[in-house]
């Protein structure tokens, strides 16, 4: 297990999705700048290949979370 985590840490160290030199100026405009290009590619491919039918069902569930994330809203109940 430790070997797998070590390999994953090495891959994350060298994996980049954007230009690191321009990231600071792009980050002023948006928070998703490090993965913006990947996000747009995924969305484009989903629109092209995913054709939902009339029998589509969406399920929604609220789960407790203690993560520090800017877009999560605190709901005490």
PDB file of N, CA and C in Angstrom:
ATOM      1  N   UNK A   1       0.820  -1.200   0.000  1.00  0.00           N
ATOM      2  CA  UNK A   1       0.000   0.000   0.000  1.00  0.00           C
ATOM      3  C   UNK A   1       0.864   1.264   0.000  1.00  0.00           C
ATOM      4  N   UNK A   2       1.934   1.224   0.759  1.00  0.00           N
ATOM      5  CA  UNK A   2       2.828   2.374   0.836  1.00  0.00           C
ATOM      6  C   UNK A   2       3.487   2.653  -0.507  1.00  0.00           C
ATOM      7  N   UNK A   3       3.804   1.606  -1.237  1.00  0.00           N
ATOM      8  CA  UNK A   3       4.434   1.766  -2.553  1.00  0.00           C
ATOM      9  C   UNK A   3       3.471   2.453  -3.523  1.00  0.00           C
ATOM     10  N   UNK A   4       2.201   2.083  -3.463  1.00  0.00           N
ATOM     11  CA  UNK A   4       1.199   2.698  -4.339  1.00  0.00           C
ATOM     12  C   UNK A   4       1.050   4.181  -4.016  1.00  0.00           C
ATOM     13  N   UNK A   5       1.012   4.517  -2.732  1.00  0.00           N
ATOM     14  CA  UNK A   5       0.902   5.931  -2.341  1.00  0.00           C
ATOM     15  C   UNK A   5       2.126   6.722  -2.764  1.00  0.00           C
ATOM     16  N   UNK A   6       3.283   6.124  -2.660  1.00  0.00           N
ATOM     17  CA  UNK A   6       4.508   6.787  -3.075  1.00  0.00           C
ATOM     18  C   UNK A   6       4.511   7.052  -4.573  1.00  0.00           C
ATOM     19  N   UNK A   7       4.094   6.061  -5.353  1.00  0.00           N
ATOM     20  CA  UNK A   7       4.016   6.253  -6.806  1.00  0.00           C
ATOM     21  C   UNK A   7       3.012   7.341  -7.161  1.00  0.00           C
ATOM     22  N   UNK A   8       1.862   7.357  -6.456  1.00  0.00           N
ATOM     23  CA  UNK A   8       0.849   8.376  -6.694  1.00  0.00           C
ATOM     24  C   UNK A   8       1.392   9.769  -6.368  1.00  0.00           C
ATOM     25  N   UNK A   9       2.148   9.890  -5.295  1.00  0.00           N
ATOM     26  CA  UNK A   9       2.742  11.178  -4.917  1.00  0.00           C
ATOM     27  C   UNK A   9       3.737  11.650  -5.971  1.00  0.00           C
ATOM     28  N   UNK A  10       4.487  10.728  -6.542  1.00  0.00           N
ATOM     29  CA  UNK A  10       5.455  11.088  -7.590  1.00  0.00           C
ATOM     30  C   UNK A  10       4.722  11.573  -8.833  1.00  0.00           C
ATOM     31  N   UNK A  11       3.657  10.875  -9.222  1.00  0.00           N
ATOM     32  CA  UNK A  11       2.882  11.293 -10.395  1.00  0.00           C
ATOM     33  C   UNK A  11       2.277  12.674 -10.158  1.00  0.00           C
ATOM     34  N   UNK A  12       1.702  12.910  -8.988  1.00  0.00           N
ATOM     35  CA  UNK A  12       1.110  14.218  -8.690  1.00  0.00           C
ATOM     36  C   UNK A  12       2.149  15.333  -8.698  1.00  0.00           C
ATOM     37  N   UNK A  13       3.361  15.021  -8.330  1.00  0.00           N
ATOM     38  CA  UNK A  13       4.417  16.031  -8.297  1.00  0.00           C
ATOM     39  C   UNK A  13       4.721  16.592  -9.684  1.00  0.00           C
ATOM     40  N   UNK A  14       4.637  15.738 -10.699  1.00  0.00           N
ATOM     41  CA  UNK A  14       4.998  16.151 -12.045  1.00  0.00           C
ATOM     42  C   UNK A  14       3.813  16.382 -12.974  1.00  0.00           C
ATOM     43  N   UNK A  15       2.611  16.124 -12.517  1.00  0.00           N
ATOM     44  CA  UNK A  15       1.428  16.262 -13.351  1.00  0.00           C
ATOM     45  C   UNK A  15       0.943  17.710 -13.336  1.00  0.00           C
ATOM     46  N   UNK A  16       0.860  18.342 -14.483  1.00  0.00           N
ATOM     47  CA  UNK A  16       0.397  19.726 -14.597  1.00  0.00           C
ATOM     48  C   UNK A  16      -0.610  19.820 -15.725  1.00  0.00           C
ATOM     49  N   UNK A  17      -1.630  20.636 -15.531  1.00  0.00           N
ATOM     50  CA  UNK A  17      -2.653  20.832 -16.548  1.00  0.00           C
ATOM     51  C   UNK A  17      -2.630  22.238 -17.126  1.00  0.00           C
ATOM     52  N   UNK A  18      -1.783  23.105 -16.620  1.00  0.00           N
ATOM     53  CA  UNK A  18      -1.754  24.482 -17.107  1.00  0.00           C
ATOM     54  C   UNK A  18      -0.330  25.010 -17.108  1.00  0.00           C
ATOM     55  N   UNK A  19      -0.187  26.230 -17.575  1.00  0.00           N
ATOM     56  CA  UNK A  19       1.109  26.904 -17.617  1.00  0.00           C
ATOM     57  C   UNK A  19       1.366  27.518 -16.240  1.00  0.00           C
ATOM     58  N   UNK A  20       2.330  26.986 -15.524  1.00  0.00           N
ATOM     59  CA  UNK A  20       2.597  27.433 -14.155  1.00  0.00           C
ATOM     60  C   UNK A  20       3.083  28.881 -14.105  1.00  0.00           C
ATOM     61  N   UNK A  21       3.724  29.346 -15.160  1.00  0.00           N
ATOM     62  CA  UNK A  21       4.239  30.721 -15.188  1.00  0.00           C
ATOM     63  C   UNK A  21       3.111  31.751 -15.261  1.00  0.00           C
ATOM     64  N   UNK A  22       2.009  31.416 -15.920  1.00  0.00           N
ATOM     65  CA  UNK A  22       0.893  32.354 -16.067  1.00  0.00           C
ATOM     66  C   UNK A  22      -0.223  32.114 -15.055  1.00  0.00           C
ATOM     67  N   UNK A  23      -0.065  31.143 -14.156  1.00  0.00           N
ATOM     68  CA  UNK A  23      -1.132  30.775 -13.236  1.00  0.00           C
ATOM     69  C   UNK A  23      -1.519  31.919 -12.303  1.00  0.00           C
ATOM     70  N   UNK A  24      -0.566  32.695 -11.818  1.00  0.00           N
ATOM     71  CA  UNK A  24      -0.892  33.753 -10.858  1.00  0.00           C
ATOM     72  C   UNK A  24      -1.784  34.823 -11.480  1.00  0.00           C
ATOM     73  N   UNK A  25      -1.526  35.197 -12.731  1.00  0.00           N
ATOM     74  CA  UNK A  25      -2.382  36.201 -13.378  1.00  0.00           C
ATOM     75  C   UNK A  25      -3.751  35.629 -13.731  1.00  0.00           C
ATOM     76  N   UNK A  26      -3.807  34.351 -14.091  1.00  0.00           N
ATOM     77  CA  UNK A  26      -5.089  33.727 -14.392  1.00  0.00           C
ATOM     78  C   UNK A  26      -5.899  33.483 -13.129  1.00  0.00           C
ATOM     79  N   UNK A  27      -5.215  33.220 -11.999  1.00  0.00           N
ATOM     80  CA  UNK A  27      -5.914  32.931 -10.747  1.00  0.00           C
ATOM     81  C   UNK A  27      -6.661  34.158 -10.218  1.00  0.00           C
ATOM     82  N   UNK A  28      -6.233  35.341 -10.606  1.00  0.00           N
ATOM     83  CA  UNK A  28      -6.951  36.557 -10.204  1.00  0.00           C
ATOM     84  C   UNK A  28      -8.355  36.588 -10.796  1.00  0.00           C
ATOM     85  N   UNK A  29      -8.522  36.003 -11.966  1.00  0.00           N
ATOM     86  CA  UNK A  29      -9.811  36.027 -12.649  1.00  0.00           C
ATOM     87  C   UNK A  29     -10.711  34.865 -12.243  1.00  0.00           C
ATOM     88  N   UNK A  30     -10.133  33.701 -11.929  1.00  0.00           N
ATOM     89  CA  UNK A  30     -10.947  32.532 -11.603  1.00  0.00           C
ATOM     90  C   UNK A  30     -10.189  31.570 -10.701  1.00  0.00           C
ATOM     91  N   UNK A  31     -10.937  30.811  -9.883  1.00  0.00           N
ATOM     92  CA  UNK A  31     -10.317  29.852  -8.982  1.00  0.00           C
ATOM     93  C   UNK A  31     -10.034  28.508  -9.641  1.00  0.00           C
ATOM     94  N   UNK A  32     -10.670  28.213 -10.759  1.00  0.00           N
ATOM     95  CA  UNK A  32     -10.480  26.939 -11.443  1.00  0.00           C
ATOM     96  C   UNK A  32      -9.358  26.970 -12.477  1.00  0.00           C
ATOM     97  N   UNK A  33      -8.532  27.987 -12.460  1.00  0.00           N
ATOM     98  CA  UNK A  33      -7.519  28.136 -13.508  1.00  0.00           C
ATOM     99  C   UNK A  33      -6.576  26.946 -13.647  1.00  0.00           C
ATOM    100  N   UNK A  34      -6.173  26.228 -12.593  1.00  0.00           N
ATOM    101  CA  UNK A  34      -5.252  25.104 -12.814  1.00  0.00           C
ATOM    102  C   UNK A  34      -5.845  23.968 -13.638  1.00  0.00           C
ATOM    103  N   UNK A  35      -7.167  23.808 -13.621  1.00  0.00           N
ATOM    104  CA  UNK A  35      -7.773  22.690 -14.357  1.00  0.00           C
ATOM    105  C   UNK A  35      -8.769  23.161 -15.407  1.00  0.00           C
ATOM    106  N   UNK A  36      -8.760  24.442 -15.763  1.00  0.00           N
ATOM    107  CA  UNK A  36      -9.744  24.988 -16.696  1.00  0.00           C
ATOM    108  C   UNK A  36      -9.729  24.259 -18.038  1.00  0.00           C
ATOM    109  N   UNK A  37      -8.554  24.026 -18.619  1.00  0.00           N
ATOM    110  CA  UNK A  37      -8.479  23.376 -19.935  1.00  0.00           C
ATOM    111  C   UNK A  37      -9.017  21.950 -19.884  1.00  0.00           C
ATOM    112  N   UNK A  38      -8.679  21.219 -18.834  1.00  0.00           N
ATOM    113  CA  UNK A  38      -9.173  19.847 -18.691  1.00  0.00           C
ATOM    114  C   UNK A  38     -10.681  19.861 -18.504  1.00  0.00           C
ATOM    115  N   UNK A  39     -11.191  20.782 -17.679  1.00  0.00           N
ATOM    116  CA  UNK A  39     -12.632  20.896 -17.419  1.00  0.00           C
ATOM    117  C   UNK A  39     -13.402  21.170 -18.711  1.00  0.00           C
ATOM    118  N   UNK A  40     -12.895  22.075 -19.531  1.00  0.00           N
ATOM    119  CA  UNK A  40     -13.565  22.394 -20.788  1.00  0.00           C
ATOM    120  C   UNK A  40     -13.537  21.208 -21.756  1.00  0.00           C
ATOM    121  N   UNK A  41     -12.442  20.459 -21.789  1.00  0.00           N
ATOM    122  CA  UNK A  41     -12.357  19.290 -22.649  1.00  0.00           C
ATOM    123  C   UNK A  41     -13.340  18.210 -22.211  1.00  0.00           C
ATOM    124  N   UNK A  42     -13.441  17.976 -20.909  1.00  0.00           N
ATOM    125  CA  UNK A  42     -14.387  16.983 -20.391  1.00  0.00           C
ATOM    126  C   UNK A  42     -15.816  17.397 -20.715  1.00  0.00           C
ATOM    127  N   UNK A  43     -16.151  18.654 -20.499  1.00  0.00           N
ATOM    128  CA  UNK A  43     -17.504  19.134 -20.792  1.00  0.00           C
ATOM    129  C   UNK A  43     -17.837  19.025 -22.277  1.00  0.00           C
ATOM    130  N   UNK A  44     -16.888  19.355 -23.132  1.00  0.00           N
ATOM    131  CA  UNK A  44     -17.110  19.254 -24.578  1.00  0.00           C
ATOM    132  C   UNK A  44     -17.366  17.805 -24.986  1.00  0.00           C
ATOM    133  N   UNK A  45     -16.580  16.886 -24.444  1.00  0.00           N
ATOM    134  CA  UNK A  45     -16.759  15.475 -24.771  1.00  0.00           C
ATOM    135  C   UNK A  45     -18.052  14.913 -24.197  1.00  0.00           C
ATOM    136  N   UNK A  46     -18.455  15.371 -23.023  1.00  0.00           N
ATOM    137  CA  UNK A  46     -19.730  14.924 -22.462  1.00  0.00           C
ATOM    138  C   UNK A  46     -20.898  15.386 -23.328  1.00  0.00           C
ATOM    139  N   UNK A  47     -20.858  16.628 -23.787  1.00  0.00           N
ATOM    140  CA  UNK A  47     -21.929  17.129 -24.662  1.00  0.00           C
ATOM    141  C   UNK A  47     -21.986  16.351 -25.971  1.00  0.00           C
ATOM    142  N   UNK A  48     -20.821  15.930 -26.461  1.00  0.00           N
ATOM    143  CA  UNK A  48     -20.766  15.222 -27.742  1.00  0.00           C
ATOM    144  C   UNK A  48     -21.227  13.765 -27.616  1.00  0.00           C
ATOM    145  N   UNK A  49     -20.887  13.095 -26.499  1.00  0.00           N
ATOM    146  CA  UNK A  49     -21.114  11.656 -26.397  1.00  0.00           C
ATOM    147  C   UNK A  49     -22.259  11.250 -25.479  1.00  0.00           C
ATOM    148  N   UNK A  50     -22.693  12.110 -24.593  1.00  0.00           N
ATOM    149  CA  UNK A  50     -23.751  11.748 -23.649  1.00  0.00           C
ATOM    150  C   UNK A  50     -25.083  12.293 -24.155  1.00  0.00           C
ATOM    151  N   UNK A  51     -25.970  11.399 -24.549  1.00  0.00           N
ATOM    152  CA  UNK A  51     -27.294  11.784 -25.038  1.00  0.00           C
ATOM    153  C   UNK A  51     -28.354  11.239 -24.074  1.00  0.00           C
ATOM    154  N   UNK A  52     -28.743  12.029 -23.064  1.00  0.00           N
ATOM    155  CA  UNK A  52     -29.721  11.521 -22.103  1.00  0.00           C
ATOM    156  C   UNK A  52     -31.088  11.318 -22.744  1.00  0.00           C
ATOM    157  N   UNK A  53     -31.757  10.276 -22.307  1.00  0.00           N
ATOM    158  CA  UNK A  53     -33.089   9.982 -22.844  1.00  0.00           C
ATOM    159  C   UNK A  53     -34.155  10.576 -21.929  1.00  0.00           C
ATOM    160  N   UNK A  54     -35.407  10.332 -22.254  1.00  0.00           N
ATOM    161  CA  UNK A  54     -36.508  10.842 -21.449  1.00  0.00           C
ATOM    162  C   UNK A  54     -36.684  10.117 -20.130  1.00  0.00           C
ATOM    163  N   UNK A  55     -35.990   9.000 -19.935  1.00  0.00           N
ATOM    164  CA  UNK A  55     -36.114   8.209 -18.713  1.00  0.00           C
ATOM    165  C   UNK A  55     -34.967   8.464 -17.741  1.00  0.00           C
ATOM    166  N   UNK A  56     -34.407   9.635 -17.765  1.00  0.00           N
ATOM    167  CA  UNK A  56     -33.287   9.987 -16.909  1.00  0.00           C
ATOM    168  C   UNK A  56     -33.788  10.359 -15.521  1.00  0.00           C
ATOM    169  N   UNK A  57     -33.133   9.840 -14.480  1.00  0.00           N
ATOM    170  CA  UNK A  57     -33.495  10.144 -13.101  1.00  0.00           C
ATOM    171  C   UNK A  57     -32.280  10.696 -12.380  1.00  0.00           C
ATOM    172  N   UNK A  58     -32.471  11.779 -11.639  1.00  0.00           N
ATOM    173  CA  UNK A  58     -31.409  12.363 -10.831  1.00  0.00           C
ATOM    174  C   UNK A  58     -31.738  12.164  -9.363  1.00  0.00           C
ATOM    175  N   UNK A  59     -30.752  11.746  -8.595  1.00  0.00           N
ATOM    176  CA  UNK A  59     -30.925  11.553  -7.173  1.00  0.00           C
ATOM    177  C   UNK A  59     -30.064  12.576  -6.448  1.00  0.00           C
ATOM    178  N   UNK A  60     -30.587  13.140  -5.388  1.00  0.00           N
ATOM    179  CA  UNK A  60     -29.876  14.182  -4.655  1.00  0.00           C
ATOM    180  C   UNK A  60     -29.803  13.783  -3.203  1.00  0.00           C
ATOM    181  N   UNK A  61     -28.624  13.952  -2.601  1.00  0.00           N
ATOM    182  CA  UNK A  61     -28.444  13.583  -1.211  1.00  0.00           C
ATOM    183  C   UNK A  61     -27.498  14.582  -0.565  1.00  0.00           C
ATOM    184  N   UNK A  62     -27.816  15.011   0.648  1.00  0.00           N
ATOM    185  CA  UNK A  62     -26.939  15.881   1.419  1.00  0.00           C
ATOM    186  C   UNK A  62     -26.131  15.022   2.375  1.00  0.00           C
ATOM    187  N   UNK A  63     -24.826  15.250   2.412  1.00  0.00           N
ATOM    188  CA  UNK A  63     -23.955  14.467   3.279  1.00  0.00           C
ATOM    189  C   UNK A  63     -23.125  15.419   4.125  1.00  0.00           C
ATOM    190  N   UNK A  64     -22.840  14.998   5.336  1.00  0.00           N
ATOM    191  CA  UNK A  64     -22.002  15.799   6.213  1.00  0.00           C
ATOM    192  C   UNK A  64     -20.580  15.868   5.711  1.00  0.00           C
ATOM    193  N   UNK A  65     -19.963  17.035   5.854  1.00  0.00           N
ATOM    194  CA  UNK A  65     -18.605  17.235   5.353  1.00  0.00           C
ATOM    195  C   UNK A  65     -17.912  18.295   6.193  1.00  0.00           C
ATOM    196  N   UNK A  66     -16.679  18.049   6.551  1.00  0.00           N
ATOM    197  CA  UNK A  66     -15.900  19.026   7.311  1.00  0.00           C
ATOM    198  C   UNK A  66     -14.743  19.579   6.470  1.00  0.00           C
ATOM    199  N   UNK A  67     -14.832  19.446   5.173  1.00  0.00           N
ATOM    200  CA  UNK A  67     -13.777  19.928   4.273  1.00  0.00           C
ATOM    201  C   UNK A  67     -13.799  21.449   4.200  1.00  0.00           C
ATOM    202  N   UNK A  68     -12.653  22.005   3.949  1.00  0.00           N
ATOM    203  CA  UNK A  68     -12.543  23.455   3.786  1.00  0.00           C
ATOM    204  C   UNK A  68     -12.594  23.773   2.298  1.00  0.00           C
ATOM    205  N   UNK A  69     -13.789  24.041   1.830  1.00  0.00           N
ATOM    206  CA  UNK A  69     -14.000  24.286   0.412  1.00  0.00           C
ATOM    207  C   UNK A  69     -14.840  25.555   0.281  1.00  0.00           C
ATOM    208  N   UNK A  70     -14.481  26.430  -0.649  1.00  0.00           N
ATOM    209  CA  UNK A  70     -15.129  27.743  -0.730  1.00  0.00           C
ATOM    210  C   UNK A  70     -16.562  27.688  -1.225  1.00  0.00           C
ATOM    211  N   UNK A  71     -16.970  26.632  -1.936  1.00  0.00           N
ATOM    212  CA  UNK A  71     -18.304  26.615  -2.492  1.00  0.00           C
ATOM    213  C   UNK A  71     -19.281  25.718  -1.727  1.00  0.00           C
ATOM    214  N   UNK A  72     -18.850  25.132  -0.594  1.00  0.00           N
ATOM    215  CA  UNK A  72     -19.744  24.332   0.239  1.00  0.00           C
ATOM    216  C   UNK A  72     -20.454  25.255   1.209  1.00  0.00           C
ATOM    217  N   UNK A  73     -21.751  25.097   1.318  1.00  0.00           N
ATOM    218  CA  UNK A  73     -22.546  25.945   2.195  1.00  0.00           C
ATOM    219  C   UNK A  73     -22.865  25.187   3.487  1.00  0.00           C
ATOM    220  N   UNK A  74     -22.697  25.863   4.607  1.00  0.00           N
ATOM    221  CA  UNK A  74     -22.967  25.257   5.914  1.00  0.00           C
ATOM    222  C   UNK A  74     -24.473  25.198   6.140  1.00  0.00           C
ATOM    223  N   UNK A  75     -24.968  23.995   6.450  1.00  0.00           N
ATOM    224  CA  UNK A  75     -26.393  23.793   6.762  1.00  0.00           C
ATOM    225  C   UNK A  75     -26.458  23.001   8.066  1.00  0.00           C
ATOM    226  N   UNK A  76     -26.744  23.647   9.189  1.00  0.00           N
ATOM    227  CA  UNK A  76     -26.678  22.970  10.487  1.00  0.00           C
ATOM    228  C   UNK A  76     -27.690  21.839  10.660  1.00  0.00           C
ATOM    229  N   UNK A  77     -28.769  21.853   9.912  1.00  0.00           N
ATOM    230  CA  UNK A  77     -29.748  20.781  10.077  1.00  0.00           C
ATOM    231  C   UNK A  77     -29.391  19.671   9.141  1.00  0.00           C
TER     232      UNK A  77
END
